[in-house]
């Protein structure tokens, strides 16, 4: 039997705060996603044209951004890559193909739950 290190637990110094998804690193931002910049540009453009969604969008972005984001590269408020991939995969399946209309519908829903 191996005498290796037992699994980490929340009390251990090397315990990871976020879940680890196979094939997904803990880096923030996601340059590997094919819909990347163009998708998010279209989302931002669509939200900017709808002032009634601004507050909901800002609130949701602030909830997705890790605490103390300014202490880690790339030093911009981006959500964890693992979190974004997890959310996309749970919504769209393994081959994530999000739509701007879905983001707008989600923000409308968030706005209505205030």
PDB file of N, CA and C in Angstrom:
ATOM      1  N   UNK A   1       0.833  -1.181   0.000  1.00  0.00           N
ATOM      2  CA  UNK A   1       0.000   0.000   0.000  1.00  0.00           C
ATOM      3  C   UNK A   1       0.878   1.246   0.000  1.00  0.00           C
ATOM      4  N   UNK A   2       0.431   2.265  -0.697  1.00  0.00           N
ATOM      5  CA  UNK A   2       1.225   3.480  -0.789  1.00  0.00           C
ATOM      6  C   UNK A   2       1.157   4.315   0.479  1.00  0.00           C
ATOM      7  N   UNK A   3       2.208   5.032   0.720  1.00  0.00           N
ATOM      8  CA  UNK A   3       2.237   5.915   1.865  1.00  0.00           C
ATOM      9  C   UNK A   3       2.135   7.357   1.392  1.00  0.00           C
ATOM     10  N   UNK A   4       1.406   7.544   0.314  1.00  0.00           N
ATOM     11  CA  UNK A   4       1.263   8.881  -0.263  1.00  0.00           C
ATOM     12  C   UNK A   4       0.468   9.809   0.631  1.00  0.00           C
ATOM     13  N   UNK A   5       0.422  11.003   0.219  1.00  0.00           N
ATOM     14  CA  UNK A   5      -0.278  12.039   0.950  1.00  0.00           C
ATOM     15  C   UNK A   5      -1.789  11.809   0.856  1.00  0.00           C
ATOM     16  N   UNK A   6      -2.517  11.911   1.957  1.00  0.00           N
ATOM     17  CA  UNK A   6      -3.968  11.741   1.896  1.00  0.00           C
ATOM     18  C   UNK A   6      -4.608  12.892   1.120  1.00  0.00           C
ATOM     19  N   UNK A   7      -5.837  12.705   0.640  1.00  0.00           N
ATOM     20  CA  UNK A   7      -6.503  13.766  -0.118  1.00  0.00           C
ATOM     21  C   UNK A   7      -6.590  15.054   0.687  1.00  0.00           C
ATOM     22  N   UNK A   8      -6.562  16.172  -0.014  1.00  0.00           N
ATOM     23  CA  UNK A   8      -6.662  17.475   0.643  1.00  0.00           C
ATOM     24  C   UNK A   8      -8.058  17.670   1.223  1.00  0.00           C
ATOM     25  N   UNK A   9      -8.122  18.435   2.279  1.00  0.00           N
ATOM     26  CA  UNK A   9      -9.403  18.815   2.871  1.00  0.00           C
ATOM     27  C   UNK A   9      -9.383  20.311   3.107  1.00  0.00           C
ATOM     28  N   UNK A  10     -10.539  20.941   3.359  1.00  0.00           N
ATOM     29  CA  UNK A  10     -10.572  22.392   3.515  1.00  0.00           C
ATOM     30  C   UNK A  10      -9.601  22.943   4.544  1.00  0.00           C
ATOM     31  N   UNK A  11      -9.190  22.142   5.517  1.00  0.00           N
ATOM     32  CA  UNK A  11      -8.248  22.627   6.522  1.00  0.00           C
ATOM     33  C   UNK A  11      -6.802  22.612   6.056  1.00  0.00           C
ATOM     34  N   UNK A  12      -6.505  21.896   4.963  1.00  0.00           N
ATOM     35  CA  UNK A  12      -5.137  21.807   4.464  1.00  0.00           C
ATOM     36  C   UNK A  12      -4.738  23.080   3.730  1.00  0.00           C
ATOM     37  N   UNK A  13      -3.461  23.415   3.829  1.00  0.00           N
ATOM     38  CA  UNK A  13      -2.961  24.627   3.187  1.00  0.00           C
ATOM     39  C   UNK A  13      -3.061  24.557   1.674  1.00  0.00           C
ATOM     40  N   UNK A  14      -2.949  23.339   1.092  1.00  0.00           N
ATOM     41  CA  UNK A  14      -2.951  23.240  -0.370  1.00  0.00           C
ATOM     42  C   UNK A  14      -4.343  22.907  -0.924  1.00  0.00           C
ATOM     43  N   UNK A  15      -5.367  23.022  -0.098  1.00  0.00           N
ATOM     44  CA  UNK A  15      -6.734  22.750  -0.558  1.00  0.00           C
ATOM     45  C   UNK A  15      -7.136  23.791  -1.590  1.00  0.00           C
ATOM     46  N   UNK A  16      -7.753  23.341  -2.685  1.00  0.00           N
ATOM     47  CA  UNK A  16      -8.196  24.272  -3.727  1.00  0.00           C
ATOM     48  C   UNK A  16      -9.616  24.708  -3.449  1.00  0.00           C
ATOM     49  N   UNK A  17      -9.863  25.994  -3.592  1.00  0.00           N
ATOM     50  CA  UNK A  17     -11.172  26.558  -3.289  1.00  0.00           C
ATOM     51  C   UNK A  17     -12.203  26.178  -4.328  1.00  0.00           C
ATOM     52  N   UNK A  18     -11.811  26.036  -5.586  1.00  0.00           N
ATOM     53  CA  UNK A  18     -12.744  25.748  -6.668  1.00  0.00           C
ATOM     54  C   UNK A  18     -12.653  24.288  -7.081  1.00  0.00           C
ATOM     55  N   UNK A  19     -13.744  23.782  -7.586  1.00  0.00           N
ATOM     56  CA  UNK A  19     -13.749  22.416  -8.104  1.00  0.00           C
ATOM     57  C   UNK A  19     -12.846  22.333  -9.324  1.00  0.00           C
ATOM     58  N   UNK A  20     -12.224  21.203  -9.509  1.00  0.00           N
ATOM     59  CA  UNK A  20     -11.360  20.990 -10.654  1.00  0.00           C
ATOM     60  C   UNK A  20     -12.120  20.152 -11.670  1.00  0.00           C
ATOM     61  N   UNK A  21     -12.241  20.663 -12.870  1.00  0.00           N
ATOM     62  CA  UNK A  21     -12.924  19.949 -13.931  1.00  0.00           C
ATOM     63  C   UNK A  21     -11.878  19.329 -14.842  1.00  0.00           C
ATOM     64  N   UNK A  22     -12.070  18.098 -15.273  1.00  0.00           N
ATOM     65  CA  UNK A  22     -11.095  17.462 -16.163  1.00  0.00           C
ATOM     66  C   UNK A  22     -10.858  18.292 -17.421  1.00  0.00           C
ATOM     67  N   UNK A  23      -9.603  18.523 -17.739  1.00  0.00           N
ATOM     68  CA  UNK A  23      -9.257  19.237 -18.958  1.00  0.00           C
ATOM     69  C   UNK A  23      -9.415  20.739 -18.882  1.00  0.00           C
ATOM     70  N   UNK A  24      -9.719  21.264 -17.704  1.00  0.00           N
ATOM     71  CA  UNK A  24      -9.916  22.707 -17.563  1.00  0.00           C
ATOM     72  C   UNK A  24      -8.971  23.221 -16.494  1.00  0.00           C
ATOM     73  N   UNK A  25      -8.175  24.184 -16.840  1.00  0.00           N
ATOM     74  CA  UNK A  25      -7.244  24.755 -15.874  1.00  0.00           C
ATOM     75  C   UNK A  25      -7.906  25.831 -15.043  1.00  0.00           C
ATOM     76  N   UNK A  26      -7.263  26.242 -13.963  1.00  0.00           N
ATOM     77  CA  UNK A  26      -7.839  27.251 -13.082  1.00  0.00           C
ATOM     78  C   UNK A  26      -7.615  28.680 -13.577  1.00  0.00           C
ATOM     79  N   UNK A  27      -7.033  28.841 -14.758  1.00  0.00           N
ATOM     80  CA  UNK A  27      -6.748  30.175 -15.268  1.00  0.00           C
ATOM     81  C   UNK A  27      -8.025  30.954 -15.524  1.00  0.00           C
ATOM     82  N   UNK A  28      -7.897  32.267 -15.449  1.00  0.00           N
ATOM     83  CA  UNK A  28      -9.049  33.108 -15.755  1.00  0.00           C
ATOM     84  C   UNK A  28      -9.014  33.477 -17.218  1.00  0.00           C
ATOM     85  N   UNK A  29     -10.173  33.793 -17.764  1.00  0.00           N
ATOM     86  CA  UNK A  29     -10.288  34.054 -19.186  1.00  0.00           C
ATOM     87  C   UNK A  29     -10.322  32.728 -19.911  1.00  0.00           C
ATOM     88  N   UNK A  30     -10.690  32.721 -21.139  1.00  0.00           N
ATOM     89  CA  UNK A  30     -10.768  31.450 -21.848  1.00  0.00           C
ATOM     90  C   UNK A  30     -10.457  31.630 -23.317  1.00  0.00           C
ATOM     91  N   UNK A  31      -9.189  31.824 -23.679  1.00  0.00           N
ATOM     92  CA  UNK A  31      -8.834  32.025 -25.068  1.00  0.00           C
ATOM     93  C   UNK A  31      -9.083  30.804 -25.941  1.00  0.00           C
ATOM     94  N   UNK A  32      -9.263  29.629 -25.344  1.00  0.00           N
ATOM     95  CA  UNK A  32      -9.444  28.418 -26.128  1.00  0.00           C
ATOM     96  C   UNK A  32     -10.852  28.215 -26.650  1.00  0.00           C
ATOM     97  N   UNK A  33     -11.811  28.984 -26.184  1.00  0.00           N
ATOM     98  CA  UNK A  33     -13.185  28.794 -26.637  1.00  0.00           C
ATOM     99  C   UNK A  33     -13.372  29.501 -27.974  1.00  0.00           C
ATOM    100  N   UNK A  34     -13.884  28.784 -28.954  1.00  0.00           N
ATOM    101  CA  UNK A  34     -13.955  29.316 -30.310  1.00  0.00           C
ATOM    102  C   UNK A  34     -14.897  30.507 -30.433  1.00  0.00           C
ATOM    103  N   UNK A  35     -15.921  30.572 -29.623  1.00  0.00           N
ATOM    104  CA  UNK A  35     -16.857  31.691 -29.719  1.00  0.00           C
ATOM    105  C   UNK A  35     -16.367  32.894 -28.922  1.00  0.00           C
ATOM    106  N   UNK A  36     -15.358  32.765 -28.142  1.00  0.00           N
ATOM    107  CA  UNK A  36     -14.730  33.745 -27.265  1.00  0.00           C
ATOM    108  C   UNK A  36     -15.083  35.199 -27.435  1.00  0.00           C
ATOM    109  N   UNK A  37     -14.168  35.964 -27.963  1.00  0.00           N
ATOM    110  CA  UNK A  37     -14.280  37.415 -27.994  1.00  0.00           C
ATOM    111  C   UNK A  37     -15.494  37.897 -28.772  1.00  0.00           C
ATOM    112  N   UNK A  38     -15.770  37.310 -29.908  1.00  0.00           N
ATOM    113  CA  UNK A  38     -16.909  37.762 -30.719  1.00  0.00           C
ATOM    114  C   UNK A  38     -18.219  37.571 -29.960  1.00  0.00           C
ATOM    115  N   UNK A  39     -18.377  36.438 -29.309  1.00  0.00           N
ATOM    116  CA  UNK A  39     -19.604  36.187 -28.550  1.00  0.00           C
ATOM    117  C   UNK A  39     -19.775  37.221 -27.450  1.00  0.00           C
ATOM    118  N   UNK A  40     -18.724  37.435 -26.653  1.00  0.00           N
ATOM    119  CA  UNK A  40     -18.840  38.376 -25.542  1.00  0.00           C
ATOM    120  C   UNK A  40     -19.021  39.807 -26.036  1.00  0.00           C
ATOM    121  N   UNK A  41     -18.422  40.157 -27.171  1.00  0.00           N
ATOM    122  CA  UNK A  41     -18.635  41.488 -27.756  1.00  0.00           C
ATOM    123  C   UNK A  41     -20.106  41.676 -28.112  1.00  0.00           C
ATOM    124  N   UNK A  42     -20.707  40.665 -28.733  1.00  0.00           N
ATOM    125  CA  UNK A  42     -22.123  40.759 -29.114  1.00  0.00           C
ATOM    126  C   UNK A  42     -23.019  40.815 -27.876  1.00  0.00           C
ATOM    127  N   UNK A  43     -22.652  40.090 -26.836  1.00  0.00           N
ATOM    128  CA  UNK A  43     -23.416  40.156 -25.587  1.00  0.00           C
ATOM    129  C   UNK A  43     -23.360  41.562 -24.998  1.00  0.00           C
ATOM    130  N   UNK A  44     -22.163  42.117 -24.909  1.00  0.00           N
ATOM    131  CA  UNK A  44     -21.999  43.466 -24.355  1.00  0.00           C
ATOM    132  C   UNK A  44     -22.759  44.486 -25.182  1.00  0.00           C
ATOM    133  N   UNK A  45     -22.661  44.380 -26.495  1.00  0.00           N
ATOM    134  CA  UNK A  45     -23.380  45.311 -27.379  1.00  0.00           C
ATOM    135  C   UNK A  45     -24.885  45.219 -27.151  1.00  0.00           C
ATOM    136  N   UNK A  46     -25.398  43.996 -27.035  1.00  0.00           N
ATOM    137  CA  UNK A  46     -26.835  43.801 -26.827  1.00  0.00           C
ATOM    138  C   UNK A  46     -27.277  44.381 -25.484  1.00  0.00           C
ATOM    139  N   UNK A  47     -26.472  44.193 -24.442  1.00  0.00           N
ATOM    140  CA  UNK A  47     -26.827  44.726 -23.124  1.00  0.00           C
ATOM    141  C   UNK A  47     -26.739  46.247 -23.125  1.00  0.00           C
ATOM    142  N   UNK A  48     -25.738  46.802 -23.775  1.00  0.00           N
ATOM    143  CA  UNK A  48     -25.608  48.265 -23.822  1.00  0.00           C
ATOM    144  C   UNK A  48     -26.815  48.926 -24.494  1.00  0.00           C
ATOM    145  N   UNK A  49     -27.455  48.222 -25.404  1.00  0.00           N
ATOM    146  CA  UNK A  49     -28.647  48.757 -26.077  1.00  0.00           C
ATOM    147  C   UNK A  49     -29.911  48.611 -25.224  1.00  0.00           C
ATOM    148  N   UNK A  50     -29.784  47.999 -24.046  1.00  0.00           N
ATOM    149  CA  UNK A  50     -30.925  47.767 -23.152  1.00  0.00           C
ATOM    150  C   UNK A  50     -30.599  48.284 -21.753  1.00  0.00           C
ATOM    151  N   UNK A  51     -30.736  49.586 -21.529  1.00  0.00           N
ATOM    152  CA  UNK A  51     -30.373  50.160 -20.227  1.00  0.00           C
ATOM    153  C   UNK A  51     -31.080  49.511 -19.037  1.00  0.00           C
ATOM    154  N   UNK A  52     -32.255  48.954 -19.239  1.00  0.00           N
ATOM    155  CA  UNK A  52     -32.961  48.327 -18.119  1.00  0.00           C
ATOM    156  C   UNK A  52     -32.246  47.059 -17.634  1.00  0.00           C
ATOM    157  N   UNK A  53     -31.281  46.533 -18.419  1.00  0.00           N
ATOM    158  CA  UNK A  53     -30.522  45.346 -18.020  1.00  0.00           C
ATOM    159  C   UNK A  53     -29.152  45.678 -17.431  1.00  0.00           C
ATOM    160  N   UNK A  54     -28.758  46.932 -17.448  1.00  0.00           N
ATOM    161  CA  UNK A  54     -27.412  47.299 -17.005  1.00  0.00           C
ATOM    162  C   UNK A  54     -27.138  46.869 -15.570  1.00  0.00           C
ATOM    163  N   UNK A  55     -28.043  47.184 -14.661  1.00  0.00           N
ATOM    164  CA  UNK A  55     -27.817  46.869 -13.253  1.00  0.00           C
ATOM    165  C   UNK A  55     -27.708  45.354 -13.056  1.00  0.00           C
ATOM    166  N   UNK A  56     -28.598  44.611 -13.674  1.00  0.00           N
ATOM    167  CA  UNK A  56     -28.566  43.142 -13.549  1.00  0.00           C
ATOM    168  C   UNK A  56     -27.258  42.588 -14.113  1.00  0.00           C
ATOM    169  N   UNK A  57     -26.802  43.114 -15.246  1.00  0.00           N
ATOM    170  CA  UNK A  57     -25.558  42.641 -15.863  1.00  0.00           C
ATOM    171  C   UNK A  57     -24.359  42.935 -14.964  1.00  0.00           C
ATOM    172  N   UNK A  58     -24.291  44.131 -14.434  1.00  0.00           N
ATOM    173  CA  UNK A  58     -23.182  44.497 -13.549  1.00  0.00           C
ATOM    174  C   UNK A  58     -23.194  43.623 -12.293  1.00  0.00           C
ATOM    175  N   UNK A  59     -24.369  43.389 -11.743  1.00  0.00           N
ATOM    176  CA  UNK A  59     -24.479  42.557 -10.547  1.00  0.00           C
ATOM    177  C   UNK A  59     -24.027  41.123 -10.839  1.00  0.00           C
ATOM    178  N   UNK A  60     -24.444  40.561 -11.966  1.00  0.00           N
ATOM    179  CA  UNK A  60     -24.064  39.183 -12.294  1.00  0.00           C
ATOM    180  C   UNK A  60     -22.573  39.064 -12.589  1.00  0.00           C
ATOM    181  N   UNK A  61     -22.011  40.046 -13.273  1.00  0.00           N
ATOM    182  CA  UNK A  61     -20.565  40.030 -13.538  1.00  0.00           C
ATOM    183  C   UNK A  61     -19.801  40.105 -12.225  1.00  0.00           C
ATOM    184  N   UNK A  62     -20.226  40.983 -11.323  1.00  0.00           N
ATOM    185  CA  UNK A  62     -19.513  41.131 -10.047  1.00  0.00           C
ATOM    186  C   UNK A  62     -19.586  39.851  -9.221  1.00  0.00           C
ATOM    187  N   UNK A  63     -20.638  39.073  -9.372  1.00  0.00           N
ATOM    188  CA  UNK A  63     -20.755  37.811  -8.643  1.00  0.00           C
ATOM    189  C   UNK A  63     -19.865  36.718  -9.229  1.00  0.00           C
ATOM    190  N   UNK A  64     -19.575  36.796 -10.514  1.00  0.00           N
ATOM    191  CA  UNK A  64     -18.776  35.762 -11.176  1.00  0.00           C
ATOM    192  C   UNK A  64     -17.276  36.001 -11.059  1.00  0.00           C
ATOM    193  N   UNK A  65     -16.886  37.224 -10.793  1.00  0.00           N
ATOM    194  CA  UNK A  65     -15.465  37.567 -10.727  1.00  0.00           C
ATOM    195  C   UNK A  65     -14.900  37.144  -9.369  1.00  0.00           C
ATOM    196  N   UNK A  66     -13.755  36.464  -9.363  1.00  0.00           N
ATOM    197  CA  UNK A  66     -13.157  36.017  -8.094  1.00  0.00           C
ATOM    198  C   UNK A  66     -12.769  37.189  -7.200  1.00  0.00           C
ATOM    199  N   UNK A  67     -12.850  36.958  -5.909  1.00  0.00           N
ATOM    200  CA  UNK A  67     -12.412  37.971  -4.952  1.00  0.00           C
ATOM    201  C   UNK A  67     -10.920  38.234  -5.164  1.00  0.00           C
ATOM    202  N   UNK A  68     -10.517  39.460  -4.942  1.00  0.00           N
ATOM    203  CA  UNK A  68      -9.118  39.884  -5.075  1.00  0.00           C
ATOM    204  C   UNK A  68      -8.544  39.553  -6.458  1.00  0.00           C
ATOM    205  N   UNK A  69      -9.347  39.762  -7.490  1.00  0.00           N
ATOM    206  CA  UNK A  69      -8.935  39.469  -8.863  1.00  0.00           C
ATOM    207  C   UNK A  69      -7.689  40.240  -9.262  1.00  0.00           C
ATOM    208  N   UNK A  70      -7.461  41.384  -8.674  1.00  0.00           N
ATOM    209  CA  UNK A  70      -6.320  42.232  -9.033  1.00  0.00           C
ATOM    210  C   UNK A  70      -4.985  41.647  -8.575  1.00  0.00           C
ATOM    211  N   UNK A  71      -5.013  40.576  -7.786  1.00  0.00           N
ATOM    212  CA  UNK A  71      -3.761  39.983  -7.312  1.00  0.00           C
ATOM    213  C   UNK A  71      -3.256  38.871  -8.226  1.00  0.00           C
ATOM    214  N   UNK A  72      -4.038  38.509  -9.267  1.00  0.00           N
ATOM    215  CA  UNK A  72      -3.663  37.409 -10.160  1.00  0.00           C
ATOM    216  C   UNK A  72      -3.692  37.859 -11.612  1.00  0.00           C
ATOM    217  N   UNK A  73      -2.760  37.339 -12.364  1.00  0.00           N
ATOM    218  CA  UNK A  73      -2.728  37.608 -13.794  1.00  0.00           C
ATOM    219  C   UNK A  73      -3.997  37.047 -14.412  1.00  0.00           C
ATOM    220  N   UNK A  74      -4.606  37.717 -15.330  1.00  0.00           N
ATOM    221  CA  UNK A  74      -4.201  38.855 -16.151  1.00  0.00           C
ATOM    222  C   UNK A  74      -4.554  40.210 -15.563  1.00  0.00           C
ATOM    223  N   UNK A  75      -4.854  40.302 -14.264  1.00  0.00           N
ATOM    224  CA  UNK A  75      -5.108  41.552 -13.554  1.00  0.00           C
ATOM    225  C   UNK A  75      -6.300  42.324 -14.115  1.00  0.00           C
ATOM    226  N   UNK A  76      -7.286  41.610 -14.585  1.00  0.00           N
ATOM    227  CA  UNK A  76      -8.565  42.188 -15.016  1.00  0.00           C
ATOM    228  C   UNK A  76      -9.684  41.341 -14.405  1.00  0.00           C
ATOM    229  N   UNK A  77     -10.841  41.934 -14.199  1.00  0.00           N
ATOM    230  CA  UNK A  77     -11.931  41.194 -13.541  1.00  0.00           C
ATOM    231  C   UNK A  77     -12.611  40.184 -14.461  1.00  0.00           C
ATOM    232  N   UNK A  78     -11.977  39.024 -14.645  1.00  0.00           N
ATOM    233  CA  UNK A  78     -12.545  37.947 -15.455  1.00  0.00           C
ATOM    234  C   UNK A  78     -12.912  36.771 -14.563  1.00  0.00           C
ATOM    235  N   UNK A  79     -14.019  36.099 -14.864  1.00  0.00           N
ATOM    236  CA  UNK A  79     -14.356  34.904 -14.075  1.00  0.00           C
ATOM    237  C   UNK A  79     -13.386  33.765 -14.356  1.00  0.00           C
ATOM    238  N   UNK A  80     -13.323  32.811 -13.441  1.00  0.00           N
ATOM    239  CA  UNK A  80     -12.465  31.639 -13.634  1.00  0.00           C
ATOM    240  C   UNK A  80     -12.905  30.864 -14.870  1.00  0.00           C
ATOM    241  N   UNK A  81     -11.938  30.381 -15.621  1.00  0.00           N
ATOM    242  CA  UNK A  81     -12.212  29.589 -16.822  1.00  0.00           C
ATOM    243  C   UNK A  81     -13.056  28.361 -16.478  1.00  0.00           C
ATOM    244  N   UNK A  82     -12.718  27.689 -15.387  1.00  0.00           N
ATOM    245  CA  UNK A  82     -13.457  26.489 -14.984  1.00  0.00           C
ATOM    246  C   UNK A  82     -14.913  26.820 -14.705  1.00  0.00           C
ATOM    247  N   UNK A  83     -15.163  27.964 -14.088  1.00  0.00           N
ATOM    248  CA  UNK A  83     -16.541  28.360 -13.788  1.00  0.00           C
ATOM    249  C   UNK A  83     -17.324  28.611 -15.069  1.00  0.00           C
ATOM    250  N   UNK A  84     -16.731  29.342 -16.002  1.00  0.00           N
ATOM    251  CA  UNK A  84     -17.414  29.643 -17.264  1.00  0.00           C
ATOM    252  C   UNK A  84     -17.701  28.358 -18.030  1.00  0.00           C
ATOM    253  N   UNK A  85     -16.715  27.496 -18.141  1.00  0.00           N
ATOM    254  CA  UNK A  85     -16.934  26.227 -18.854  1.00  0.00           C
ATOM    255  C   UNK A  85     -17.986  25.372 -18.170  1.00  0.00           C
ATOM    256  N   UNK A  86     -17.968  25.320 -16.845  1.00  0.00           N
ATOM    257  CA  UNK A  86     -18.967  24.552 -16.114  1.00  0.00           C
ATOM    258  C   UNK A  86     -20.362  25.089 -16.402  1.00  0.00           C
ATOM    259  N   UNK A  87     -20.532  26.403 -16.328  1.00  0.00           N
ATOM    260  CA  UNK A  87     -21.849  27.001 -16.574  1.00  0.00           C
ATOM    261  C   UNK A  87     -22.306  26.751 -18.012  1.00  0.00           C
ATOM    262  N   UNK A  88     -21.393  26.894 -18.969  1.00  0.00           N
ATOM    263  CA  UNK A  88     -21.762  26.653 -20.370  1.00  0.00           C
ATOM    264  C   UNK A  88     -22.099  25.185 -20.611  1.00  0.00           C
ATOM    265  N   UNK A  89     -21.316  24.293 -20.010  1.00  0.00           N
ATOM    266  CA  UNK A  89     -21.580  22.874 -20.223  1.00  0.00           C
ATOM    267  C   UNK A  89     -22.884  22.438 -19.575  1.00  0.00           C
ATOM    268  N   UNK A  90     -23.202  22.973 -18.406  1.00  0.00           N
ATOM    269  CA  UNK A  90     -24.468  22.598 -17.768  1.00  0.00           C
ATOM    270  C   UNK A  90     -25.657  23.168 -18.527  1.00  0.00           C
ATOM    271  N   UNK A  91     -25.465  24.272 -19.215  1.00  0.00           N
ATOM    272  CA  UNK A  91     -26.566  24.876 -19.969  1.00  0.00           C
ATOM    273  C   UNK A  91     -26.711  24.297 -21.376  1.00  0.00           C
ATOM    274  N   UNK A  92     -25.570  24.011 -22.034  1.00  0.00           N
ATOM    275  CA  UNK A  92     -25.606  23.656 -23.454  1.00  0.00           C
ATOM    276  C   UNK A  92     -25.036  22.280 -23.786  1.00  0.00           C
ATOM    277  N   UNK A  93     -24.483  21.590 -22.821  1.00  0.00           N
ATOM    278  CA  UNK A  93     -23.862  20.307 -23.100  1.00  0.00           C
ATOM    279  C   UNK A  93     -22.376  20.467 -23.374  1.00  0.00           C
ATOM    280  N   UNK A  94     -21.735  19.351 -23.703  1.00  0.00           N
ATOM    281  CA  UNK A  94     -20.274  19.342 -23.866  1.00  0.00           C
ATOM    282  C   UNK A  94     -19.778  20.306 -24.940  1.00  0.00           C
ATOM    283  N   UNK A  95     -20.469  20.384 -26.063  1.00  0.00           N
ATOM    284  CA  UNK A  95     -20.081  21.305 -27.131  1.00  0.00           C
ATOM    285  C   UNK A  95     -20.860  22.603 -26.983  1.00  0.00           C
ATOM    286  N   UNK A  96     -20.410  23.428 -26.029  1.00  0.00           N
ATOM    287  CA  UNK A  96     -21.113  24.663 -25.698  1.00  0.00           C
ATOM    288  C   UNK A  96     -21.280  25.565 -26.914  1.00  0.00           C
ATOM    289  N   UNK A  97     -22.500  26.013 -27.110  1.00  0.00           N
ATOM    290  CA  UNK A  97     -22.807  26.931 -28.202  1.00  0.00           C
ATOM    291  C   UNK A  97     -23.811  27.968 -27.703  1.00  0.00           C
ATOM    292  N   UNK A  98     -23.346  28.897 -26.866  1.00  0.00           N
ATOM    293  CA  UNK A  98     -24.262  29.877 -26.280  1.00  0.00           C
ATOM    294  C   UNK A  98     -24.792  30.863 -27.315  1.00  0.00           C
ATOM    295  N   UNK A  99     -25.925  31.455 -26.980  1.00  0.00           N
ATOM    296  CA  UNK A  99     -26.560  32.443 -27.851  1.00  0.00           C
ATOM    297  C   UNK A  99     -26.762  33.738 -27.065  1.00  0.00           C
ATOM    298  N   UNK A 100     -26.620  34.864 -27.738  1.00  0.00           N
ATOM    299  CA  UNK A 100     -26.800  36.167 -27.105  1.00  0.00           C
ATOM    300  C   UNK A 100     -28.213  36.278 -26.541  1.00  0.00           C
ATOM    301  N   UNK A 101     -29.208  35.780 -27.265  1.00  0.00           N
ATOM    302  CA  UNK A 101     -30.596  35.845 -26.797  1.00  0.00           C
ATOM    303  C   UNK A 101     -30.759  35.144 -25.451  1.00  0.00           C
ATOM    304  N   UNK A 102     -30.014  34.067 -25.223  1.00  0.00           N
ATOM    305  CA  UNK A 102     -30.082  33.363 -23.944  1.00  0.00           C
ATOM    306  C   UNK A 102     -29.527  34.220 -22.813  1.00  0.00           C
ATOM    307  N   UNK A 103     -28.455  34.933 -23.082  1.00  0.00           N
ATOM    308  CA  UNK A 103     -27.860  35.813 -22.070  1.00  0.00           C
ATOM    309  C   UNK A 103     -28.851  36.922 -21.717  1.00  0.00           C
ATOM    310  N   UNK A 104     -29.485  37.498 -22.720  1.00  0.00           N
ATOM    311  CA  UNK A 104     -30.464  38.556 -22.474  1.00  0.00           C
ATOM    312  C   UNK A 104     -31.661  38.026 -21.682  1.00  0.00           C
ATOM    313  N   UNK A 105     -32.115  36.846 -22.036  1.00  0.00           N
ATOM    314  CA  UNK A 105     -33.243  36.231 -21.313  1.00  0.00           C
ATOM    315  C   UNK A 105     -32.850  35.967 -19.855  1.00  0.00           C
ATOM    316  N   UNK A 106     -31.625  35.505 -19.622  1.00  0.00           N
ATOM    317  CA  UNK A 106     -31.135  35.267 -18.266  1.00  0.00           C
ATOM    318  C   UNK A 106     -31.094  36.569 -17.463  1.00  0.00           C
ATOM    319  N   UNK A 107     -30.607  37.641 -18.075  1.00  0.00           N
ATOM    320  CA  UNK A 107     -30.546  38.923 -17.370  1.00  0.00           C
ATOM    321  C   UNK A 107     -31.943  39.452 -17.076  1.00  0.00           C
ATOM    322  N   UNK A 108     -32.886  39.235 -17.984  1.00  0.00           N
ATOM    323  CA  UNK A 108     -34.284  39.622 -17.732  1.00  0.00           C
ATOM    324  C   UNK A 108     -34.812  38.857 -16.518  1.00  0.00           C
ATOM    325  N   UNK A 109     -34.497  37.570 -16.447  1.00  0.00           N
ATOM    326  CA  UNK A 109     -34.927  36.752 -15.323  1.00  0.00           C
ATOM    327  C   UNK A 109     -34.300  37.263 -14.021  1.00  0.00           C
ATOM    328  N   UNK A 110     -32.989  37.567 -14.066  1.00  0.00           N
ATOM    329  CA  UNK A 110     -32.303  38.093 -12.876  1.00  0.00           C
ATOM    330  C   UNK A 110     -32.932  39.411 -12.433  1.00  0.00           C
ATOM    331  N   UNK A 111     -33.268  40.231 -13.383  1.00  0.00           N
ATOM    332  CA  UNK A 111     -33.874  41.529 -13.096  1.00  0.00           C
ATOM    333  C   UNK A 111     -35.229  41.357 -12.416  1.00  0.00           C
ATOM    334  N   UNK A 112     -35.969  40.347 -12.843  1.00  0.00           N
ATOM    335  CA  UNK A 112     -37.291  40.109 -12.279  1.00  0.00           C
ATOM    336  C   UNK A 112     -37.275  39.474 -10.903  1.00  0.00           C
ATOM    337  N   UNK A 113     -36.126  38.924 -10.485  1.00  0.00           N
ATOM    338  CA  UNK A 113     -36.047  38.278  -9.174  1.00  0.00           C
ATOM    339  C   UNK A 113     -35.580  39.219  -8.085  1.00  0.00           C
ATOM    340  N   UNK A 114     -35.316  40.478  -8.413  1.00  0.00           N
ATOM    341  CA  UNK A 114     -34.860  41.457  -7.391  1.00  0.00           C
ATOM    342  C   UNK A 114     -35.961  41.775  -6.410  1.00  0.00           C
TER     343      UNK A 114
END
